[in-house]
Amino acid sequence: MRKIKVSAPGKLMLLGEHAVVYNRPSLVTAVDQRLTLKAEILENSVFELNAKDAGIEGYSKPLSELGKGDIPKGAKFVEIATLNFKKKYSLKTGVKITTSSQFSPLFGFGSSSASTVCTLKALSELFNDKLSNRQIFELAFQTVLDIQGTGSGFDVAAATYGGTLYYSKAGSKTIKPLNLKSIPLIIGYSGIKTDTVTLVKQVAEKAKKYPNVIENIYSQIGYLVDLAKKALLKEDYQTLGELMNLNQGLLASLGVEGKKLADMVYGAREAGAYGAKLSGAGIGDCMIAIASPAKVQTVKRAINKAGGKVINVKVNAPGVRIEK
């Protein structure tokens, strides 16, 4: 095999933001907008990358220089993933990688994690290592930690496994796929790009100042996740909505709500949604709502009226896969 094409989904957090970083469980779902990666074996020992969506064109360096020097932001995850694969499984020759995405990196759908997972999947197929999903997840999560210094891995899990997952990084890491047909979510984009790493650090600083309070909030969020998992499996969307509202209140107490997201969330509730909350690190990116079929259009209009933009994506999408 000389060439391969793979794709991985973006993700949306349902419940469990921030607490997931501190070993509490979370619920995450994969979205049907995907990042696609093409990889081709080269005759030389060079790493080449083109990722127009990330502002990278004609980027190359010798394999021996992977991870060294100033790495452009848009190349970092693919390059470090390639380096980590090389360290663990070896690269017998150079490789040319090209990525393209169906979703904007502004949405907070996890384009970095999707590109990392795609890179490892493609390299494992090209160089006959045939890594399992678990092996891909572990090496992709390590790549994220190498770059960011911190992280929970839920976005890597969603890109790898797809579907809707009950996830915790505690201990040996729990990744439990929930066998759901679908989830009738409404998704709104705030128009504001979130700096996830900065927000996670801000919450960590608050935890240093008020350790008992913040730890209790994390534990309550984890408890809500367990209840929400049961509601999801029963397709009890009214209860799920109530739990989403409670999770939003706890996230607001962590200081990550943000006025724009709050306007969208409360607008959706006032329009009749069972529940609505931010999705992700907060302040910007996306929010989610769940409503009865009769209220869906009213809720969508309310989100748009609040200054958001409803995004038409489906959730519970397949994980990383080989494309023809």
Protein backbone atom coordinates (compact mmCIF):
# COMPACT_ATOMS: atom_id res chain seq x y z
CA MET A 1 0.00 0.00 0.00
CA ARG A 2 1.41 3.38 -1.06
CA LYS A 3 -1.50 5.71 -0.31
CA ILE A 4 -4.39 5.82 2.10
CA LYS A 5 -7.31 8.09 2.92
CA VAL A 6 -8.86 8.16 6.39
CA SER A 7 -11.34 10.36 8.23
CA ALA A 8 -12.36 11.05 11.82
CA PRO A 9 -15.33 12.92 13.31
CA GLY A 10 -15.48 16.08 15.34
CA LYS A 11 -17.01 15.96 18.82
CA LEU A 12 -19.45 17.66 21.15
CA MET A 13 -19.40 17.36 24.91
CA LEU A 14 -22.84 16.55 26.28
CA LEU A 15 -22.09 16.75 30.01
CA GLY A 16 -18.95 16.77 32.13
CA GLU A 17 -16.83 19.72 30.97
CA HIS A 18 -13.87 20.70 33.17
CA ALA A 19 -14.66 18.00 35.74
CA VAL A 20 -13.46 15.41 33.20
CA VAL A 21 -9.94 16.87 33.50
CA TYR A 22 -10.05 15.89 37.20
CA ASN A 23 -11.01 12.23 36.75
CA ARG A 24 -14.80 12.62 36.76
CA PRO A 25 -16.86 10.95 34.02
CA SER A 26 -18.23 12.71 30.96
CA LEU A 27 -20.58 12.11 28.06
CA VAL A 28 -19.25 12.98 24.61
CA THR A 29 -20.68 12.39 21.14
CA ALA A 30 -19.11 12.39 17.68
CA VAL A 31 -20.51 14.73 15.01
CA ASP A 32 -21.01 13.84 11.35
CA GLN A 33 -18.71 16.60 10.10
CA ARG A 34 -15.34 14.98 9.52
CA LEU A 35 -11.67 15.74 9.02
CA THR A 36 -10.13 13.82 6.13
CA LEU A 37 -6.45 12.93 5.83
CA LYS A 38 -4.57 11.52 2.86
CA ALA A 39 -1.16 9.96 3.46
CA GLU A 40 1.33 8.82 0.84
CA ILE A 41 4.65 7.03 1.22
CA LEU A 42 7.62 8.97 -0.20
CA GLU A 43 10.89 7.55 -1.52
CA ASN A 44 12.95 9.96 0.61
CA SER A 45 13.13 10.53 4.37
CA VAL A 46 11.04 13.70 4.43
CA PHE A 47 7.85 14.66 6.27
CA GLU A 48 5.54 16.82 4.13
CA LEU A 49 2.30 18.44 5.25
CA ASN A 50 -0.43 20.42 3.54
CA ALA A 51 -3.32 21.50 5.77
CA LYS A 52 -5.04 24.47 4.12
CA ASP A 53 -7.75 24.67 6.79
CA ALA A 54 -5.01 25.15 9.38
CA GLY A 55 -3.02 27.60 7.26
CA ILE A 56 -0.27 25.12 6.35
CA GLU A 57 0.93 24.67 2.75
CA GLY A 58 4.20 23.22 1.50
CA TYR A 59 5.55 22.48 4.99
CA SER A 60 8.36 19.92 5.06
CA LYS A 61 11.37 18.77 7.08
CA PRO A 62 13.60 15.68 7.33
CA LEU A 63 12.19 12.88 9.49
CA SER A 64 15.25 13.31 11.72
CA GLU A 65 14.08 16.87 12.53
CA LEU A 66 10.52 15.97 13.57
CA GLY A 67 9.56 17.79 16.76
CA LYS A 68 12.54 20.13 16.58
CA GLY A 69 12.64 23.90 16.03
CA ASP A 70 9.62 26.19 15.76
CA ILE A 71 6.63 24.15 14.64
CA PRO A 72 3.72 26.18 13.18
CA LYS A 73 0.55 25.89 15.25
CA GLY A 74 -1.38 24.32 12.37
CA ALA A 75 1.24 21.59 11.92
CA LYS A 76 1.90 20.73 15.54
CA PHE A 77 -0.54 17.86 16.15
CA VAL A 78 0.14 16.03 12.89
CA GLU A 79 3.90 16.44 13.27
CA ILE A 80 4.10 15.34 16.90
CA ALA A 81 1.76 12.41 16.19
CA THR A 82 4.10 11.37 13.37
CA LEU A 83 7.10 11.73 15.69
CA ASN A 84 5.44 9.62 18.40
CA PHE A 85 4.54 6.94 15.86
CA LYS A 86 8.14 6.97 14.60
CA LYS A 87 9.48 6.55 18.14
CA LYS A 88 7.18 3.68 19.01
CA TYR A 89 6.72 1.82 15.73
CA SER A 90 9.36 3.33 13.38
CA LEU A 91 8.87 5.05 10.02
CA LYS A 92 10.65 3.20 7.24
CA THR A 93 10.50 6.12 4.81
CA GLY A 94 9.14 9.63 4.33
CA VAL A 95 5.45 10.49 4.22
CA LYS A 96 3.31 13.19 2.63
CA ILE A 97 0.16 14.15 4.52
CA THR A 98 -2.72 16.31 3.32
CA THR A 99 -5.72 17.22 5.48
CA SER A 100 -9.07 18.84 4.77
CA SER A 101 -12.01 19.44 7.05
CA GLN A 102 -15.78 19.66 6.69
CA PHE A 103 -15.97 21.87 9.76
CA SER A 104 -14.34 25.12 10.74
CA PRO A 105 -11.61 24.90 13.41
CA LEU A 106 -13.49 27.80 15.03
CA PHE A 107 -16.42 25.59 16.09
CA GLY A 108 -14.48 23.80 18.82
CA PHE A 109 -15.34 20.40 17.32
CA GLY A 110 -11.84 19.10 18.07
CA SER A 111 -10.04 19.41 14.75
CA SER A 112 -6.67 18.95 16.48
CA SER A 113 -7.72 15.63 18.01
CA ALA A 114 -9.31 14.46 14.76
CA SER A 115 -6.12 15.24 12.81
CA THR A 116 -4.00 13.46 15.44
CA VAL A 117 -6.15 10.32 15.34
CA CYS A 118 -6.25 10.36 11.52
CA THR A 119 -2.46 10.66 11.34
CA LEU A 120 -1.92 7.63 13.56
CA LYS A 121 -4.58 5.56 11.78
CA ALA A 122 -3.07 6.34 8.37
CA LEU A 123 0.51 5.62 9.44
CA SER A 124 -0.50 2.37 11.13
CA GLU A 125 -2.16 1.17 7.93
CA LEU A 126 0.60 2.38 5.58
CA PHE A 127 3.39 0.80 7.59
CA ASN A 128 1.49 -2.41 8.42
CA ASP A 129 1.28 -1.93 12.16
CA LYS A 130 -2.55 -2.13 12.14
CA LEU A 131 -3.03 -0.48 15.50
CA SER A 132 -6.21 -1.16 17.47
CA ASN A 133 -8.51 1.70 18.42
CA ARG A 134 -7.16 1.52 21.95
CA GLN A 135 -3.55 1.81 20.74
CA ILE A 136 -4.48 4.75 18.51
CA PHE A 137 -6.31 6.42 21.41
CA GLU A 138 -3.39 6.00 23.83
CA LEU A 139 -0.79 7.38 21.41
CA ALA A 140 -3.07 10.22 20.30
CA PHE A 141 -3.77 11.19 23.92
CA GLN A 142 -0.03 11.14 24.64
CA THR A 143 0.47 13.45 21.66
CA VAL A 144 -2.06 15.92 23.06
CA LEU A 145 -0.33 15.83 26.46
CA ASP A 146 3.07 16.34 24.82
CA ILE A 147 1.77 19.50 23.13
CA GLN A 148 -0.63 20.99 25.69
CA GLY A 149 0.77 19.64 28.94
CA THR A 150 -2.73 18.83 30.15
CA GLY A 151 -5.96 17.37 28.81
CA SER A 152 -8.66 14.82 29.45
CA GLY A 153 -8.68 12.78 26.24
CA PHE A 154 -12.45 12.81 25.68
CA ASP A 155 -12.07 14.49 22.27
CA VAL A 156 -9.44 11.93 21.25
CA ALA A 157 -11.77 9.12 22.37
CA ALA A 158 -14.65 10.55 20.32
CA ALA A 159 -12.49 10.88 17.20
CA THR A 160 -11.22 7.32 17.60
CA TYR A 161 -14.32 5.38 18.64
CA GLY A 162 -17.15 7.61 17.40
CA GLY A 163 -20.73 7.19 18.60
CA THR A 164 -21.65 8.48 22.04
CA LEU A 165 -19.26 7.61 24.86
CA TYR A 166 -19.22 7.49 28.63
CA TYR A 167 -15.62 8.49 29.24
CA SER A 168 -13.31 8.97 32.20
CA LYS A 169 -9.53 9.31 32.26
CA ALA A 170 -9.35 8.01 35.84
CA GLY A 171 -7.18 4.93 36.36
CA SER A 172 -6.82 2.90 33.18
CA LYS A 173 -9.32 5.21 31.42
CA THR A 174 -12.94 4.20 30.85
CA ILE A 175 -14.30 4.31 27.30
CA LYS A 176 -17.82 2.89 27.16
CA PRO A 177 -19.77 3.24 23.90
CA LEU A 178 -23.50 3.80 24.47
CA ASN A 179 -25.60 2.01 21.88
CA LEU A 180 -27.86 4.89 20.91
CA LYS A 181 -29.76 5.32 17.66
CA SER A 182 -29.53 9.10 17.74
CA ILE A 183 -29.88 12.14 20.01
CA PRO A 184 -32.21 14.98 18.92
CA LEU A 185 -29.76 17.77 19.76
CA ILE A 186 -29.94 21.36 18.56
CA ILE A 187 -26.49 22.91 18.23
CA GLY A 188 -25.75 26.63 18.22
CA TYR A 189 -22.44 28.35 17.46
CA SER A 190 -21.63 31.52 19.37
CA GLY A 191 -19.25 33.08 16.86
CA ILE A 192 -16.59 33.29 19.58
CA LYS A 193 -13.47 31.12 19.48
CA THR A 194 -12.60 29.56 22.83
CA ASP A 195 -9.02 29.22 24.08
CA THR A 196 -9.51 25.89 25.84
CA VAL A 197 -6.06 25.64 27.42
CA THR A 198 -6.35 29.13 28.97
CA LEU A 199 -9.83 28.42 30.36
CA VAL A 200 -8.76 25.11 31.87
CA LYS A 201 -5.86 26.91 33.56
CA GLN A 202 -8.19 29.63 34.89
CA VAL A 203 -10.47 27.01 36.44
CA ALA A 204 -7.41 25.26 37.89
CA GLU A 205 -6.36 28.55 39.54
CA LYS A 206 -9.82 28.88 41.06
CA ALA A 207 -9.49 25.32 42.38
CA LYS A 208 -6.23 26.27 44.12
CA LYS A 209 -7.98 29.18 45.82
CA TYR A 210 -11.15 27.28 46.80
CA PRO A 211 -10.14 23.59 46.65
CA ASN A 212 -13.02 22.09 48.63
CA VAL A 213 -15.66 24.13 46.81
CA ILE A 214 -14.37 23.35 43.32
CA GLU A 215 -13.79 19.67 44.09
CA ASN A 216 -17.41 19.43 45.26
CA ILE A 217 -18.56 21.07 42.02
CA TYR A 218 -16.55 18.54 40.00
CA SER A 219 -18.10 15.68 41.98
CA GLN A 220 -21.62 17.03 41.44
CA ILE A 221 -20.94 17.32 37.71
CA GLY A 222 -19.77 13.69 37.71
CA TYR A 223 -22.97 12.66 39.48
CA LEU A 224 -25.05 14.50 36.86
CA VAL A 225 -23.17 12.63 34.13
CA ASP A 226 -24.11 9.27 35.65
CA LEU A 227 -27.77 10.31 35.82
CA ALA A 228 -27.65 11.67 32.27
CA LYS A 229 -26.23 8.39 30.98
CA LYS A 230 -29.29 6.56 32.37
CA ALA A 231 -31.64 9.16 30.87
CA LEU A 232 -29.96 8.85 27.46
CA LEU A 233 -30.25 5.07 27.43
CA LYS A 234 -33.96 5.37 28.28
CA GLU A 235 -34.42 8.16 25.68
CA ASP A 236 -35.84 10.25 28.53
CA TYR A 237 -35.02 13.61 26.99
CA GLN A 238 -37.01 15.67 29.46
CA THR A 239 -34.87 14.38 32.33
CA LEU A 240 -31.75 14.78 30.21
CA GLY A 241 -32.72 18.42 29.64
CA GLU A 242 -33.14 19.03 33.37
CA LEU A 243 -29.71 17.52 34.01
CA MET A 244 -28.20 19.71 31.28
CA ASN A 245 -29.65 22.77 33.01
CA LEU A 246 -28.11 21.73 36.32
CA ASN A 247 -24.75 21.11 34.64
CA GLN A 248 -24.92 24.60 33.11
CA GLY A 249 -25.45 26.14 36.54
CA LEU A 250 -22.38 24.38 37.90
CA LEU A 251 -20.31 25.47 34.90
CA ALA A 252 -21.48 29.05 35.45
CA SER A 253 -20.18 28.83 39.01
CA LEU A 254 -16.77 27.89 37.58
CA GLY A 255 -16.82 31.15 35.62
CA VAL A 256 -16.94 29.70 32.09
CA GLU A 257 -20.50 30.57 31.04
CA GLY A 258 -19.88 33.77 29.05
CA LYS A 259 -22.63 36.27 28.19
CA LYS A 260 -23.13 35.26 24.55
CA LEU A 261 -23.47 31.57 25.37
CA ALA A 262 -25.73 32.41 28.32
CA ASP A 263 -28.04 34.44 26.05
CA MET A 264 -28.28 31.49 23.65
CA VAL A 265 -28.81 28.95 26.44
CA TYR A 266 -31.50 30.92 28.25
CA GLY A 267 -33.13 31.93 24.97
CA ALA A 268 -33.45 28.24 24.07
CA ARG A 269 -34.98 27.43 27.44
CA GLU A 270 -37.47 30.29 27.25
CA ALA A 271 -38.49 29.01 23.81
CA GLY A 272 -39.46 25.68 25.36
CA ALA A 273 -36.35 23.50 25.26
CA TYR A 274 -36.23 20.75 27.88
CA GLY A 275 -32.71 21.91 28.61
CA ALA A 276 -29.73 23.79 27.21
CA LYS A 277 -26.09 24.25 28.16
CA LEU A 278 -22.72 25.22 26.82
CA SER A 279 -20.68 22.46 25.18
CA GLY A 280 -16.92 22.48 25.64
CA ALA A 281 -14.60 24.71 27.60
CA GLY A 282 -17.07 27.61 27.69
CA ILE A 283 -17.15 31.38 27.00
CA GLY A 284 -17.46 30.69 23.24
CA ASP A 285 -17.68 27.85 20.72
CA CYS A 286 -21.00 25.96 20.89
CA MET A 287 -24.05 25.34 23.03
CA ILE A 288 -26.52 22.49 22.83
CA ALA A 289 -30.23 22.19 23.51
CA ILE A 290 -32.74 19.37 23.54
CA ALA A 291 -36.44 19.83 22.89
CA SER A 292 -39.61 18.02 21.87
CA PRO A 293 -40.18 17.75 18.10
CA ALA A 294 -42.93 20.39 18.38
CA LYS A 295 -40.52 22.93 19.87
CA VAL A 296 -37.43 22.36 17.73
CA GLN A 297 -38.02 25.17 15.21
CA THR A 298 -39.01 27.64 17.94
CA VAL A 299 -35.83 26.84 19.86
CA LYS A 300 -33.69 27.21 16.74
CA ARG A 301 -35.18 30.64 16.06
CA ALA A 302 -34.51 31.67 19.66
CA ILE A 303 -30.84 30.68 19.38
CA ASN A 304 -30.47 32.69 16.18
CA LYS A 305 -32.29 35.65 17.76
CA ALA A 306 -29.82 35.57 20.67
CA GLY A 307 -27.00 36.13 18.18
CA GLY A 308 -25.99 32.52 17.68
CA LYS A 309 -26.02 30.42 14.54
CA VAL A 310 -27.70 27.03 14.45
CA ILE A 311 -25.38 24.42 12.91
CA ASN A 312 -27.00 21.53 11.09
CA VAL A 313 -24.94 18.55 12.21
CA LYS A 314 -25.93 15.10 13.35
CA VAL A 315 -24.36 13.36 16.32
CA ASN A 316 -23.49 9.76 17.24
CA ALA A 317 -21.32 9.55 14.09
CA PRO A 318 -18.80 6.77 13.30
CA GLY A 319 -15.22 7.03 14.56
CA VAL A 320 -11.97 7.00 12.59
CA ARG A 321 -12.21 4.90 9.44
CA ILE A 322 -10.54 4.17 6.12
CA GLU A 323 -12.17 5.92 3.16
CA LYS A 324 -12.19 4.74 -0.45
